[in-house]
Amino acid sequence: MNNRILIVEDDESIASAVALNLQVAGYDCAVFDDGRRALQALETDHAYDLALLDIMLPGVDGFELFGHMQRYNIPVIYMTAKTDSASEIKGLRDGAEDYIVKPFDVLTLMVRMEKVLRRTGRLNTVYRVRDIELNSETRTVTKGGRPVYLQPMEFDVLLLLLRYKNMTVTREQLMEEVWGYDYVGETRVLDIKIFSLRKKLDLGDAIRTLPKLGYRLEDR
């Protein structure tokens, strides 16, 4: 089952962009542009794994809405244009998991979301593309139901590409996430891992190379 995300944001362009990117990555999203309407909807459906709340909302603002999220045990990340430290301190002291200021990169938001979902035990552990299934908890991969052996680094690269499926992941992001910030080796090793994944899993046409940018695992 995909993770369900509640988005309450009155800026239509931001809400649409966030929802579209999350849906492409495999999340199920519900979007509201008004705090009061979101609150009313929660009374009948509050099975969300995470809420992304703006603070300055019509109807009921994000700070007030947060109290209701606590009642339904929904973790919260604020995404807001309020840059003052008082608002950030209030949000975090009240119990929000994170506070991200607009404008932000959607991939950065997703990384923060995953950390919250993982910490709260809600992160989806099974990822799929075509006939391939990866279980991040058991660290196993199958293709057509049959086990496929991947080296640890190959597994980690595939996991990252699957988490951000249909999105461009830069070479720097892959290197930092898989090898760590202190990794000083040649980036050629990443190309070798990508080549191996394409061959072992028949993903030659699915893992796209974007020159000078990175890679994208496409599942259209």
N, C-alpha and C. Protein backbone atom coordinates (compact mmCIF):
# COMPACT_ATOMS: atom_id res chain seq x y z
N MET A 1 0.84 -1.19 0.00
CA MET A 1 0.00 0.00 0.00
C MET A 1 0.88 1.25 0.00
N ASN A 2 0.52 2.23 -0.82
CA ASN A 2 1.28 3.47 -0.88
C ASN A 2 1.04 4.32 0.36
N ASN A 3 2.05 5.09 0.74
CA ASN A 3 1.88 6.04 1.83
C ASN A 3 0.88 7.13 1.43
N ARG A 4 -0.02 7.48 2.36
CA ARG A 4 -1.02 8.52 2.10
C ARG A 4 -0.57 9.83 2.72
N ILE A 5 -0.59 10.89 1.91
CA ILE A 5 -0.11 12.19 2.34
C ILE A 5 -1.23 13.21 2.23
N LEU A 6 -1.43 13.97 3.29
CA LEU A 6 -2.41 15.06 3.29
C LEU A 6 -1.67 16.37 3.04
N ILE A 7 -2.11 17.10 2.04
CA ILE A 7 -1.50 18.40 1.70
C ILE A 7 -2.55 19.49 1.91
N VAL A 8 -2.25 20.46 2.77
CA VAL A 8 -3.15 21.58 2.98
C VAL A 8 -2.37 22.84 2.63
N GLU A 9 -2.65 23.40 1.48
CA GLU A 9 -1.88 24.50 0.91
C GLU A 9 -2.81 25.34 0.02
N ASP A 10 -2.90 26.64 0.28
CA ASP A 10 -3.83 27.47 -0.49
C ASP A 10 -3.23 28.06 -1.76
N ASP A 11 -1.93 27.89 -1.96
CA ASP A 11 -1.32 28.31 -3.21
C ASP A 11 -1.44 27.15 -4.19
N GLU A 12 -2.32 27.31 -5.17
CA GLU A 12 -2.64 26.20 -6.08
C GLU A 12 -1.42 25.69 -6.83
N SER A 13 -0.54 26.60 -7.25
CA SER A 13 0.63 26.17 -8.03
C SER A 13 1.57 25.31 -7.18
N ILE A 14 1.76 25.68 -5.91
CA ILE A 14 2.62 24.89 -5.02
C ILE A 14 1.97 23.56 -4.70
N ALA A 15 0.69 23.59 -4.36
CA ALA A 15 -0.02 22.36 -4.01
C ALA A 15 -0.01 21.37 -5.17
N SER A 16 -0.26 21.88 -6.38
CA SER A 16 -0.30 21.00 -7.56
C SER A 16 1.07 20.41 -7.85
N ALA A 17 2.11 21.26 -7.75
CA ALA A 17 3.46 20.78 -8.04
C ALA A 17 3.91 19.72 -7.04
N VAL A 18 3.64 19.95 -5.76
CA VAL A 18 4.01 18.98 -4.73
C VAL A 18 3.24 17.68 -4.92
N ALA A 19 1.93 17.79 -5.10
CA ALA A 19 1.10 16.59 -5.26
C ALA A 19 1.50 15.79 -6.49
N LEU A 20 1.75 16.47 -7.60
CA LEU A 20 2.12 15.78 -8.83
C LEU A 20 3.41 15.01 -8.66
N ASN A 21 4.42 15.65 -8.07
CA ASN A 21 5.70 14.98 -7.87
C ASN A 21 5.59 13.82 -6.89
N LEU A 22 4.80 13.98 -5.85
CA LEU A 22 4.64 12.89 -4.89
C LEU A 22 3.89 11.72 -5.52
N GLN A 23 2.88 12.01 -6.33
CA GLN A 23 2.13 10.94 -6.99
C GLN A 23 3.01 10.19 -7.98
N VAL A 24 3.84 10.92 -8.70
CA VAL A 24 4.78 10.29 -9.64
C VAL A 24 5.72 9.35 -8.90
N ALA A 25 6.10 9.74 -7.66
CA ALA A 25 7.02 8.93 -6.86
C ALA A 25 6.31 7.79 -6.13
N GLY A 26 4.98 7.71 -6.27
CA GLY A 26 4.26 6.57 -5.69
C GLY A 26 3.47 6.85 -4.44
N TYR A 27 3.31 8.12 -4.07
CA TYR A 27 2.50 8.46 -2.91
C TYR A 27 1.04 8.70 -3.34
N ASP A 28 0.12 8.46 -2.43
CA ASP A 28 -1.28 8.84 -2.63
C ASP A 28 -1.50 10.16 -1.90
N CYS A 29 -2.08 11.15 -2.58
CA CYS A 29 -2.20 12.49 -1.99
C CYS A 29 -3.65 12.97 -1.98
N ALA A 30 -4.00 13.67 -0.92
CA ALA A 30 -5.27 14.40 -0.85
C ALA A 30 -4.90 15.85 -0.62
N VAL A 31 -5.49 16.76 -1.40
CA VAL A 31 -5.11 18.17 -1.36
C VAL A 31 -6.30 19.03 -0.98
N PHE A 32 -6.07 19.95 -0.03
CA PHE A 32 -7.09 20.92 0.36
C PHE A 32 -6.46 22.31 0.35
N ASP A 33 -7.25 23.31 -0.06
CA ASP A 33 -6.74 24.69 -0.09
C ASP A 33 -7.30 25.54 1.04
N ASP A 34 -8.00 24.89 1.97
CA ASP A 34 -8.65 25.61 3.06
C ASP A 34 -8.56 24.76 4.33
N GLY A 35 -8.12 25.37 5.42
CA GLY A 35 -7.95 24.62 6.66
C GLY A 35 -9.24 24.05 7.21
N ARG A 36 -10.32 24.81 7.09
CA ARG A 36 -11.60 24.34 7.63
C ARG A 36 -12.11 23.12 6.87
N ARG A 37 -11.99 23.17 5.54
CA ARG A 37 -12.45 22.03 4.73
C ARG A 37 -11.59 20.79 5.01
N ALA A 38 -10.30 21.00 5.21
CA ALA A 38 -9.43 19.87 5.55
C ALA A 38 -9.85 19.26 6.88
N LEU A 39 -10.19 20.12 7.84
CA LEU A 39 -10.61 19.66 9.15
C LEU A 39 -11.91 18.87 9.07
N GLN A 40 -12.83 19.34 8.28
CA GLN A 40 -14.10 18.64 8.11
C GLN A 40 -13.88 17.27 7.47
N ALA A 41 -12.99 17.21 6.49
CA ALA A 41 -12.72 15.94 5.82
C ALA A 41 -12.06 14.94 6.76
N LEU A 42 -11.25 15.43 7.69
CA LEU A 42 -10.56 14.56 8.64
C LEU A 42 -11.52 13.80 9.54
N GLU A 43 -12.70 14.34 9.74
CA GLU A 43 -13.67 13.69 10.63
C GLU A 43 -14.11 12.34 10.09
N THR A 44 -14.09 12.18 8.77
CA THR A 44 -14.52 10.92 8.17
C THR A 44 -13.37 10.10 7.59
N ASP A 45 -12.23 10.76 7.34
CA ASP A 45 -11.08 10.05 6.79
C ASP A 45 -9.81 10.68 7.34
N HIS A 46 -9.17 10.00 8.27
CA HIS A 46 -7.92 10.52 8.84
C HIS A 46 -6.80 9.48 8.80
N ALA A 47 -6.91 8.58 7.84
CA ALA A 47 -5.89 7.53 7.71
C ALA A 47 -4.73 8.03 6.84
N TYR A 48 -4.02 9.02 7.35
CA TYR A 48 -2.87 9.59 6.64
C TYR A 48 -1.58 9.25 7.37
N ASP A 49 -0.52 9.05 6.59
CA ASP A 49 0.78 8.75 7.18
C ASP A 49 1.56 10.01 7.51
N LEU A 50 1.20 11.13 6.86
CA LEU A 50 1.93 12.38 7.05
C LEU A 50 1.09 13.52 6.50
N ALA A 51 1.19 14.70 7.15
CA ALA A 51 0.52 15.90 6.65
C ALA A 51 1.54 16.97 6.34
N LEU A 52 1.37 17.64 5.21
CA LEU A 52 2.18 18.79 4.82
C LEU A 52 1.28 20.01 4.94
N LEU A 53 1.58 20.87 5.90
CA LEU A 53 0.69 21.99 6.21
C LEU A 53 1.34 23.34 5.93
N ASP A 54 0.61 24.18 5.22
CA ASP A 54 0.96 25.59 5.18
C ASP A 54 0.50 26.19 6.51
N ILE A 55 1.04 27.33 6.90
CA ILE A 55 0.61 27.97 8.15
C ILE A 55 -0.47 29.01 7.88
N MET A 56 -0.24 29.86 6.89
CA MET A 56 -1.22 30.92 6.58
C MET A 56 -2.28 30.38 5.65
N LEU A 57 -3.34 29.84 6.25
CA LEU A 57 -4.42 29.21 5.51
C LEU A 57 -5.74 29.92 5.77
N PRO A 58 -6.64 29.94 4.80
CA PRO A 58 -7.99 30.46 5.07
C PRO A 58 -8.77 29.46 5.91
N GLY A 59 -9.74 29.95 6.65
CA GLY A 59 -10.59 29.08 7.46
C GLY A 59 -9.97 28.77 8.79
N VAL A 60 -9.02 27.86 8.81
CA VAL A 60 -8.29 27.46 10.02
C VAL A 60 -6.81 27.45 9.66
N ASP A 61 -5.98 28.17 10.42
CA ASP A 61 -4.56 28.23 10.04
C ASP A 61 -3.84 26.94 10.42
N GLY A 62 -2.60 26.83 9.94
CA GLY A 62 -1.84 25.60 10.13
C GLY A 62 -1.55 25.28 11.57
N PHE A 63 -1.29 26.31 12.39
CA PHE A 63 -1.02 26.06 13.81
C PHE A 63 -2.23 25.46 14.51
N GLU A 64 -3.42 25.99 14.20
CA GLU A 64 -4.63 25.45 14.82
C GLU A 64 -4.92 24.05 14.28
N LEU A 65 -4.70 23.88 13.00
CA LEU A 65 -4.95 22.57 12.38
C LEU A 65 -4.02 21.50 12.96
N PHE A 66 -2.83 21.92 13.38
CA PHE A 66 -1.86 20.97 13.92
C PHE A 66 -2.41 20.21 15.12
N GLY A 67 -3.15 20.90 15.97
CA GLY A 67 -3.72 20.23 17.15
C GLY A 67 -4.62 19.07 16.77
N HIS A 68 -5.35 19.22 15.68
CA HIS A 68 -6.23 18.13 15.23
C HIS A 68 -5.41 17.00 14.63
N MET A 69 -4.28 17.32 14.00
CA MET A 69 -3.40 16.27 13.48
C MET A 69 -2.87 15.41 14.62
N GLN A 70 -2.57 16.05 15.73
CA GLN A 70 -2.11 15.29 16.90
C GLN A 70 -3.19 14.34 17.39
N ARG A 71 -4.42 14.80 17.37
CA ARG A 71 -5.52 13.95 17.83
C ARG A 71 -5.63 12.69 16.99
N TYR A 72 -5.35 12.82 15.69
CA TYR A 72 -5.44 11.67 14.79
C TYR A 72 -4.09 10.98 14.59
N ASN A 73 -3.07 11.41 15.36
CA ASN A 73 -1.74 10.81 15.31
C ASN A 73 -1.14 10.90 13.91
N ILE A 74 -1.25 12.07 13.29
CA ILE A 74 -0.68 12.30 11.96
C ILE A 74 0.55 13.19 12.10
N PRO A 75 1.73 12.70 11.77
CA PRO A 75 2.94 13.55 11.83
C PRO A 75 2.80 14.73 10.86
N VAL A 76 3.44 15.84 11.20
CA VAL A 76 3.28 17.07 10.41
C VAL A 76 4.64 17.65 10.01
N ILE A 77 4.72 18.07 8.76
CA ILE A 77 5.81 18.91 8.29
C ILE A 77 5.18 20.22 7.81
N TYR A 78 5.63 21.33 8.35
CA TYR A 78 5.17 22.62 7.87
C TYR A 78 5.95 22.99 6.61
N MET A 79 5.25 23.48 5.59
CA MET A 79 5.90 24.06 4.42
C MET A 79 5.28 25.44 4.23
N THR A 80 6.06 26.47 4.49
CA THR A 80 5.49 27.79 4.66
C THR A 80 6.42 28.89 4.15
N ALA A 81 5.82 30.06 3.91
CA ALA A 81 6.59 31.24 3.53
C ALA A 81 7.02 32.04 4.74
N LYS A 82 6.59 31.63 5.94
CA LYS A 82 6.95 32.36 7.15
C LYS A 82 8.38 32.02 7.54
N THR A 83 9.25 33.02 7.39
CA THR A 83 10.67 32.79 7.63
C THR A 83 11.14 33.23 9.01
N ASP A 84 10.23 33.83 9.80
CA ASP A 84 10.65 34.33 11.12
C ASP A 84 10.92 33.17 12.07
N SER A 85 11.92 33.35 12.90
CA SER A 85 12.32 32.28 13.81
C SER A 85 11.24 31.97 14.84
N ALA A 86 10.41 32.96 15.21
CA ALA A 86 9.36 32.72 16.20
C ALA A 86 8.36 31.68 15.70
N SER A 87 7.99 31.77 14.43
CA SER A 87 7.05 30.80 13.86
C SER A 87 7.67 29.41 13.79
N GLU A 88 8.94 29.36 13.38
CA GLU A 88 9.62 28.06 13.30
C GLU A 88 9.74 27.42 14.67
N ILE A 89 10.12 28.23 15.65
CA ILE A 89 10.27 27.70 17.01
C ILE A 89 8.93 27.21 17.54
N LYS A 90 7.86 27.98 17.30
CA LYS A 90 6.53 27.56 17.75
C LYS A 90 6.13 26.23 17.10
N GLY A 91 6.33 26.16 15.78
CA GLY A 91 5.94 24.93 15.07
C GLY A 91 6.67 23.71 15.59
N LEU A 92 7.97 23.84 15.80
CA LEU A 92 8.76 22.70 16.25
C LEU A 92 8.51 22.38 17.72
N ARG A 93 8.35 23.42 18.54
CA ARG A 93 8.07 23.17 19.96
C ARG A 93 6.70 22.53 20.16
N ASP A 94 5.75 22.89 19.31
CA ASP A 94 4.42 22.28 19.43
C ASP A 94 4.44 20.80 19.09
N GLY A 95 5.46 20.39 18.31
CA GLY A 95 5.59 18.97 18.00
C GLY A 95 5.68 18.62 16.53
N ALA A 96 5.78 19.62 15.65
CA ALA A 96 5.93 19.31 14.23
C ALA A 96 7.25 18.57 13.99
N GLU A 97 7.26 17.71 13.01
CA GLU A 97 8.46 16.92 12.71
C GLU A 97 9.52 17.74 11.98
N ASP A 98 9.07 18.72 11.19
CA ASP A 98 10.02 19.52 10.42
C ASP A 98 9.34 20.81 9.98
N TYR A 99 10.16 21.74 9.51
CA TYR A 99 9.68 23.07 9.11
C TYR A 99 10.50 23.47 7.90
N ILE A 100 9.87 23.53 6.73
CA ILE A 100 10.60 23.82 5.50
C ILE A 100 10.04 25.11 4.89
N VAL A 101 10.94 26.01 4.52
CA VAL A 101 10.55 27.34 4.06
C VAL A 101 10.50 27.38 2.52
N LYS A 102 9.45 27.99 1.99
CA LYS A 102 9.32 28.19 0.55
C LYS A 102 10.25 29.31 0.09
N PRO A 103 10.74 29.23 -1.13
CA PRO A 103 10.61 28.10 -2.06
C PRO A 103 11.55 26.98 -1.69
N PHE A 104 11.18 25.75 -2.02
CA PHE A 104 12.01 24.60 -1.70
C PHE A 104 12.04 23.64 -2.88
N ASP A 105 13.06 22.81 -2.89
CA ASP A 105 13.18 21.77 -3.91
C ASP A 105 12.34 20.58 -3.48
N VAL A 106 11.53 20.05 -4.39
CA VAL A 106 10.63 18.95 -4.03
C VAL A 106 11.40 17.72 -3.59
N LEU A 107 12.55 17.46 -4.19
CA LEU A 107 13.34 16.30 -3.78
C LEU A 107 13.82 16.46 -2.34
N THR A 108 14.18 17.69 -1.96
CA THR A 108 14.57 17.96 -0.58
C THR A 108 13.40 17.68 0.36
N LEU A 109 12.21 18.11 -0.03
CA LEU A 109 11.02 17.83 0.76
C LEU A 109 10.80 16.33 0.91
N MET A 110 10.99 15.58 -0.16
CA MET A 110 10.76 14.15 -0.12
C MET A 110 11.77 13.45 0.79
N VAL A 111 13.00 13.90 0.77
CA VAL A 111 14.00 13.32 1.67
C VAL A 111 13.59 13.53 3.13
N ARG A 112 13.12 14.72 3.44
CA ARG A 112 12.67 15.01 4.81
C ARG A 112 11.44 14.20 5.16
N MET A 113 10.54 14.04 4.19
CA MET A 113 9.35 13.22 4.42
C MET A 113 9.74 11.78 4.76
N GLU A 114 10.66 11.23 3.99
CA GLU A 114 11.08 9.85 4.21
C GLU A 114 11.68 9.65 5.59
N LYS A 115 12.44 10.64 6.05
CA LYS A 115 13.04 10.54 7.38
C LYS A 115 11.95 10.48 8.45
N VAL A 116 10.90 11.28 8.27
CA VAL A 116 9.80 11.26 9.23
C VAL A 116 9.05 9.94 9.15
N LEU A 117 8.75 9.49 7.94
CA LEU A 117 8.02 8.23 7.77
C LEU A 117 8.81 7.05 8.30
N ARG A 118 10.12 7.09 8.10
CA ARG A 118 10.96 6.01 8.62
C ARG A 118 11.00 6.03 10.15
N ARG A 119 11.17 7.22 10.71
CA ARG A 119 11.26 7.34 12.17
C ARG A 119 9.98 6.91 12.85
N THR A 120 8.84 7.19 12.21
CA THR A 120 7.55 6.83 12.79
C THR A 120 7.07 5.44 12.39
N GLY A 121 7.91 4.72 11.66
CA GLY A 121 7.57 3.35 11.28
C GLY A 121 6.49 3.25 10.22
N ARG A 122 6.33 4.31 9.42
CA ARG A 122 5.26 4.32 8.42
C ARG A 122 5.76 4.23 6.99
N LEU A 123 7.06 4.25 6.80
CA LEU A 123 7.60 4.29 5.44
C LEU A 123 7.31 2.99 4.71
N ASN A 124 6.79 3.13 3.49
CA ASN A 124 6.55 1.97 2.64
C ASN A 124 7.88 1.28 2.38
N THR A 125 7.93 -0.02 2.58
CA THR A 125 9.19 -0.74 2.43
C THR A 125 9.28 -1.54 1.13
N VAL A 126 8.21 -1.55 0.34
CA VAL A 126 8.21 -2.32 -0.90
C VAL A 126 8.06 -1.37 -2.08
N TYR A 127 8.97 -1.49 -3.02
CA TYR A 127 8.97 -0.63 -4.21
C TYR A 127 8.92 -1.51 -5.45
N ARG A 128 8.21 -1.05 -6.47
CA ARG A 128 8.03 -1.87 -7.67
C ARG A 128 8.26 -1.05 -8.93
N VAL A 129 8.80 -1.70 -9.93
CA VAL A 129 8.87 -1.16 -11.28
C VAL A 129 8.83 -2.36 -12.22
N ARG A 130 7.92 -2.32 -13.17
CA ARG A 130 7.72 -3.44 -14.08
C ARG A 130 7.48 -4.72 -13.28
N ASP A 131 8.28 -5.77 -13.54
CA ASP A 131 8.10 -7.03 -12.79
C ASP A 131 9.13 -7.16 -11.68
N ILE A 132 9.73 -6.03 -11.31
CA ILE A 132 10.77 -6.02 -10.27
C ILE A 132 10.18 -5.52 -8.97
N GLU A 133 10.51 -6.20 -7.88
CA GLU A 133 10.04 -5.80 -6.55
C GLU A 133 11.24 -5.75 -5.60
N LEU A 134 11.36 -4.63 -4.91
CA LEU A 134 12.44 -4.45 -3.94
C LEU A 134 11.83 -4.23 -2.56
N ASN A 135 12.32 -5.00 -1.59
CA ASN A 135 11.89 -4.84 -0.20
C ASN A 135 13.06 -4.25 0.59
N SER A 136 12.90 -2.98 1.02
CA SER A 136 14.01 -2.30 1.69
C SER A 136 14.24 -2.82 3.10
N GLU A 137 13.24 -3.49 3.68
CA GLU A 137 13.38 -4.01 5.04
C GLU A 137 14.19 -5.30 5.04
N THR A 138 13.87 -6.20 4.11
CA THR A 138 14.60 -7.47 4.03
C THR A 138 15.80 -7.40 3.08
N ARG A 139 15.91 -6.26 2.37
CA ARG A 139 16.98 -6.04 1.40
C ARG A 139 17.02 -7.17 0.37
N THR A 140 15.86 -7.44 -0.20
CA THR A 140 15.76 -8.46 -1.23
C THR A 140 15.17 -7.85 -2.50
N VAL A 141 15.52 -8.46 -3.63
CA VAL A 141 15.01 -8.02 -4.92
C VAL A 141 14.56 -9.25 -5.69
N THR A 142 13.40 -9.14 -6.31
CA THR A 142 12.93 -10.22 -7.19
C THR A 142 12.56 -9.64 -8.54
N LYS A 143 12.69 -10.47 -9.56
CA LYS A 143 12.26 -10.10 -10.91
C LYS A 143 11.41 -11.23 -11.44
N GLY A 144 10.17 -10.95 -11.75
CA GLY A 144 9.25 -12.00 -12.17
C GLY A 144 9.05 -13.04 -11.09
N GLY A 145 9.19 -12.64 -9.83
CA GLY A 145 9.02 -13.55 -8.71
C GLY A 145 10.27 -14.32 -8.33
N ARG A 146 11.33 -14.18 -9.10
CA ARG A 146 12.56 -14.91 -8.82
C ARG A 146 13.60 -13.99 -8.18
N PRO A 147 14.32 -14.50 -7.17
CA PRO A 147 15.32 -13.66 -6.49
C PRO A 147 16.44 -13.24 -7.44
N VAL A 148 16.89 -12.02 -7.27
CA VAL A 148 18.04 -11.50 -8.03
C VAL A 148 19.07 -11.01 -7.02
N TYR A 149 20.30 -11.48 -7.17
CA TYR A 149 21.35 -11.04 -6.24
C TYR A 149 21.94 -9.72 -6.71
N LEU A 150 21.94 -8.74 -5.81
CA LEU A 150 22.59 -7.46 -6.07
C LEU A 150 23.66 -7.23 -5.01
N GLN A 151 24.75 -6.66 -5.42
CA GLN A 151 25.76 -6.24 -4.45
C GLN A 151 25.16 -5.13 -3.58
N PRO A 152 25.65 -4.96 -2.35
CA PRO A 152 25.08 -3.95 -1.45
C PRO A 152 24.97 -2.56 -2.06
N MET A 153 25.99 -2.10 -2.76
CA MET A 153 25.95 -0.77 -3.37
C MET A 153 24.96 -0.73 -4.54
N GLU A 154 24.86 -1.81 -5.28
CA GLU A 154 23.87 -1.88 -6.36
C GLU A 154 22.46 -1.77 -5.78
N PHE A 155 22.23 -2.47 -4.68
CA PHE A 155 20.93 -2.43 -4.02
C PHE A 155 20.60 -1.00 -3.58
N ASP A 156 21.57 -0.32 -2.98
CA ASP A 156 21.33 1.02 -2.47
C ASP A 156 21.06 2.02 -3.59
N VAL A 157 21.76 1.86 -4.71
CA VAL A 157 21.51 2.74 -5.86
C VAL A 157 20.10 2.50 -6.41
N LEU A 158 19.73 1.23 -6.56
CA LEU A 158 18.39 0.91 -7.05
C LEU A 158 17.31 1.43 -6.11
N LEU A 159 17.52 1.27 -4.82
CA LEU A 159 16.55 1.75 -3.85
C LEU A 159 16.33 3.25 -3.98
N LEU A 160 17.40 3.99 -4.15
CA LEU A 160 17.28 5.44 -4.28
C LEU A 160 16.54 5.81 -5.56
N LEU A 161 16.86 5.14 -6.65
CA LEU A 161 16.18 5.41 -7.92
C LEU A 161 14.69 5.07 -7.83
N LEU A 162 14.36 4.01 -7.10
CA LEU A 162 12.96 3.61 -6.94
C LEU A 162 12.20 4.59 -6.04
N ARG A 163 12.87 5.07 -5.00
CA ARG A 163 12.21 6.02 -4.10
C ARG A 163 11.82 7.30 -4.83
N TYR A 164 12.66 7.69 -5.79
CA TYR A 164 12.40 8.91 -6.55
C TYR A 164 12.09 8.58 -8.00
N LYS A 165 11.32 7.52 -8.17
CA LYS A 165 10.95 7.04 -9.50
C LYS A 165 10.32 8.16 -10.33
N ASN A 166 10.74 8.22 -11.59
CA ASN A 166 10.27 9.22 -12.54
C ASN A 166 10.77 10.63 -12.23
N MET A 167 11.73 10.74 -11.32
CA MET A 167 12.34 12.02 -11.02
C MET A 167 13.84 11.92 -11.27
N THR A 168 14.45 13.04 -11.66
CA THR A 168 15.89 13.05 -11.89
C THR A 168 16.63 13.10 -10.56
N VAL A 169 17.53 12.14 -10.36
CA VAL A 169 18.39 12.12 -9.18
C VAL A 169 19.79 12.47 -9.65
N THR A 170 20.37 13.52 -9.10
CA THR A 170 21.68 13.95 -9.56
C THR A 170 22.77 12.96 -9.13
N ARG A 171 23.87 13.03 -9.82
CA ARG A 171 25.01 12.18 -9.47
C ARG A 171 25.47 12.49 -8.05
N GLU A 172 25.45 13.78 -7.70
CA GLU A 172 25.88 14.17 -6.36
C GLU A 172 24.97 13.58 -5.29
N GLN A 173 23.66 13.59 -5.54
CA GLN A 173 22.72 13.02 -4.57
C GLN A 173 22.94 11.52 -4.41
N LEU A 174 23.15 10.84 -5.52
CA LEU A 174 23.40 9.40 -5.45
C LEU A 174 24.69 9.10 -4.70
N MET A 175 25.74 9.84 -5.01
CA MET A 175 27.02 9.61 -4.34
C MET A 175 26.92 9.87 -2.83
N GLU A 176 26.25 10.96 -2.47
CA GLU A 176 26.15 11.32 -1.06
C GLU A 176 25.30 10.33 -0.29
N GLU A 177 24.16 9.93 -0.88
CA GLU A 177 23.25 9.02 -0.19
C GLU A 177 23.81 7.61 -0.07
N VAL A 178 24.48 7.14 -1.11
CA VAL A 178 24.94 5.75 -1.14
C VAL A 178 26.34 5.60 -0.54
N TRP A 179 27.24 6.50 -0.93
CA TRP A 179 28.63 6.36 -0.47
C TRP A 179 28.96 7.26 0.72
N GLY A 180 28.14 8.26 0.96
CA GLY A 180 28.37 9.13 2.10
C GLY A 180 29.03 10.43 1.68
N TYR A 181 28.89 11.44 2.54
CA TYR A 181 29.40 12.77 2.24
C TYR A 181 30.92 12.80 2.11
N ASP A 182 31.61 11.87 2.76
CA ASP A 182 33.07 11.89 2.76
C ASP A 182 33.68 11.07 1.63
N TYR A 183 32.80 10.54 0.75
CA TYR A 183 33.32 9.70 -0.32
C TYR A 183 34.13 10.54 -1.31
N VAL A 184 35.35 10.12 -1.59
CA VAL A 184 36.23 10.90 -2.48
C VAL A 184 36.69 10.08 -3.69
N GLY A 185 36.06 8.93 -3.90
CA GLY A 185 36.45 8.09 -5.03
C GLY A 185 35.97 8.64 -6.35
N GLU A 186 36.39 7.99 -7.43
CA GLU A 186 35.99 8.40 -8.76
C GLU A 186 34.50 8.11 -8.97
N THR A 187 33.79 9.04 -9.60
CA THR A 187 32.36 8.83 -9.84
C THR A 187 32.13 7.74 -10.88
N ARG A 188 33.21 7.28 -11.50
CA ARG A 188 33.08 6.19 -12.47
C ARG A 188 32.47 4.96 -11.82
N VAL A 189 32.68 4.78 -10.52
CA VAL A 189 32.11 3.62 -9.83
C VAL A 189 30.60 3.65 -9.89
N LEU A 190 29.99 4.84 -9.86
CA LEU A 190 28.54 4.94 -9.97
C LEU A 190 28.07 4.47 -11.35
N ASP A 191 28.77 4.87 -12.39
CA ASP A 191 28.41 4.43 -13.74
C ASP A 191 28.46 2.91 -13.86
N ILE A 192 29.43 2.30 -13.18
CA ILE A 192 29.55 0.84 -13.21
C ILE A 192 28.35 0.19 -12.54
N LYS A 193 27.92 0.74 -11.41
CA LYS A 193 26.75 0.19 -10.70
C LYS A 193 25.49 0.33 -11.55
N ILE A 194 25.34 1.46 -12.21
CA ILE A 194 24.18 1.69 -13.08
C ILE A 194 24.18 0.69 -14.24
N PHE A 195 25.36 0.50 -14.85
CA PHE A 195 25.49 -0.46 -15.95
C PHE A 195 25.08 -1.86 -15.49
N SER A 196 25.53 -2.23 -14.29
CA SER A 196 25.23 -3.56 -13.76
C SER A 196 23.73 -3.72 -13.51
N LEU A 197 23.08 -2.70 -12.96
CA LEU A 197 21.64 -2.77 -12.71
C LEU A 197 20.86 -2.91 -14.02
N ARG A 198 21.25 -2.17 -15.01
CA ARG A 198 20.58 -2.27 -16.31
C ARG A 198 20.67 -3.70 -16.86
N LYS A 199 21.84 -4.30 -16.69
CA LYS A 199 22.05 -5.64 -17.23
C LYS A 199 21.34 -6.71 -16.42
N LYS A 200 21.48 -6.67 -15.09
CA LYS A 200 20.91 -7.71 -14.23
C LYS A 200 19.38 -7.70 -14.24
N LEU A 201 18.80 -6.50 -14.36
CA LEU A 201 17.35 -6.37 -14.21
C LEU A 201 16.65 -6.00 -15.51
N ASP A 202 17.39 -6.00 -16.61
CA ASP A 202 16.82 -5.66 -17.92
C ASP A 202 16.14 -4.29 -17.87
N LEU A 203 16.88 -3.31 -17.35
CA LEU A 203 16.34 -1.95 -17.21
C LEU A 203 17.08 -0.96 -18.11
N GLY A 204 17.63 -1.49 -19.21
CA GLY A 204 18.41 -0.63 -20.09
C GLY A 204 17.64 0.56 -20.62
N ASP A 205 16.36 0.37 -20.91
CA ASP A 205 15.56 1.47 -21.44
C ASP A 205 14.81 2.23 -20.36
N ALA A 206 14.91 1.76 -19.11
CA ALA A 206 14.16 2.41 -18.02
C ALA A 206 15.02 3.35 -17.20
N ILE A 207 16.30 3.00 -17.03
CA ILE A 207 17.20 3.90 -16.30
C ILE A 207 17.85 4.83 -17.31
N ARG A 208 17.38 6.05 -17.34
CA ARG A 208 17.86 7.03 -18.31
C ARG A 208 19.03 7.82 -17.75
N THR A 209 20.03 8.04 -18.59
CA THR A 209 21.15 8.91 -18.24
C THR A 209 20.85 10.31 -18.74
N LEU A 210 20.94 11.29 -17.86
CA LEU A 210 20.77 12.68 -18.25
C LEU A 210 22.14 13.35 -18.16
N PRO A 211 22.77 13.59 -19.31
CA PRO A 211 24.13 14.14 -19.32
C PRO A 211 24.28 15.37 -18.43
N LYS A 212 25.33 15.37 -17.63
CA LYS A 212 25.69 16.44 -16.71
C LYS A 212 24.69 16.64 -15.56
N LEU A 213 23.67 15.76 -15.50
CA LEU A 213 22.69 15.87 -14.41
C LEU A 213 22.71 14.64 -13.52
N GLY A 214 22.30 13.51 -14.07
CA GLY A 214 22.23 12.31 -13.25
C GLY A 214 21.46 11.22 -13.95
N TYR A 215 20.56 10.56 -13.20
CA TYR A 215 19.82 9.43 -13.72
C TYR A 215 18.34 9.54 -13.33
N ARG A 216 17.51 8.87 -14.12
CA ARG A 216 16.09 8.81 -13.81
C ARG A 216 15.56 7.42 -14.16
N LEU A 217 14.89 6.80 -13.18
CA LEU A 217 14.24 5.51 -13.41
C LEU A 217 12.80 5.77 -13.81
N GLU A 218 12.50 5.46 -15.07
CA GLU A 218 11.18 5.79 -15.60
C GLU A 218 10.25 4.60 -15.56
N ASP A 219 9.03 4.87 -15.14
CA ASP A 219 7.99 3.82 -15.08
C ASP A 219 6.69 4.46 -15.53
N ARG A 220 6.52 4.56 -16.82
CA ARG A 220 5.36 5.24 -17.38
C ARG A 220 4.24 4.27 -17.66
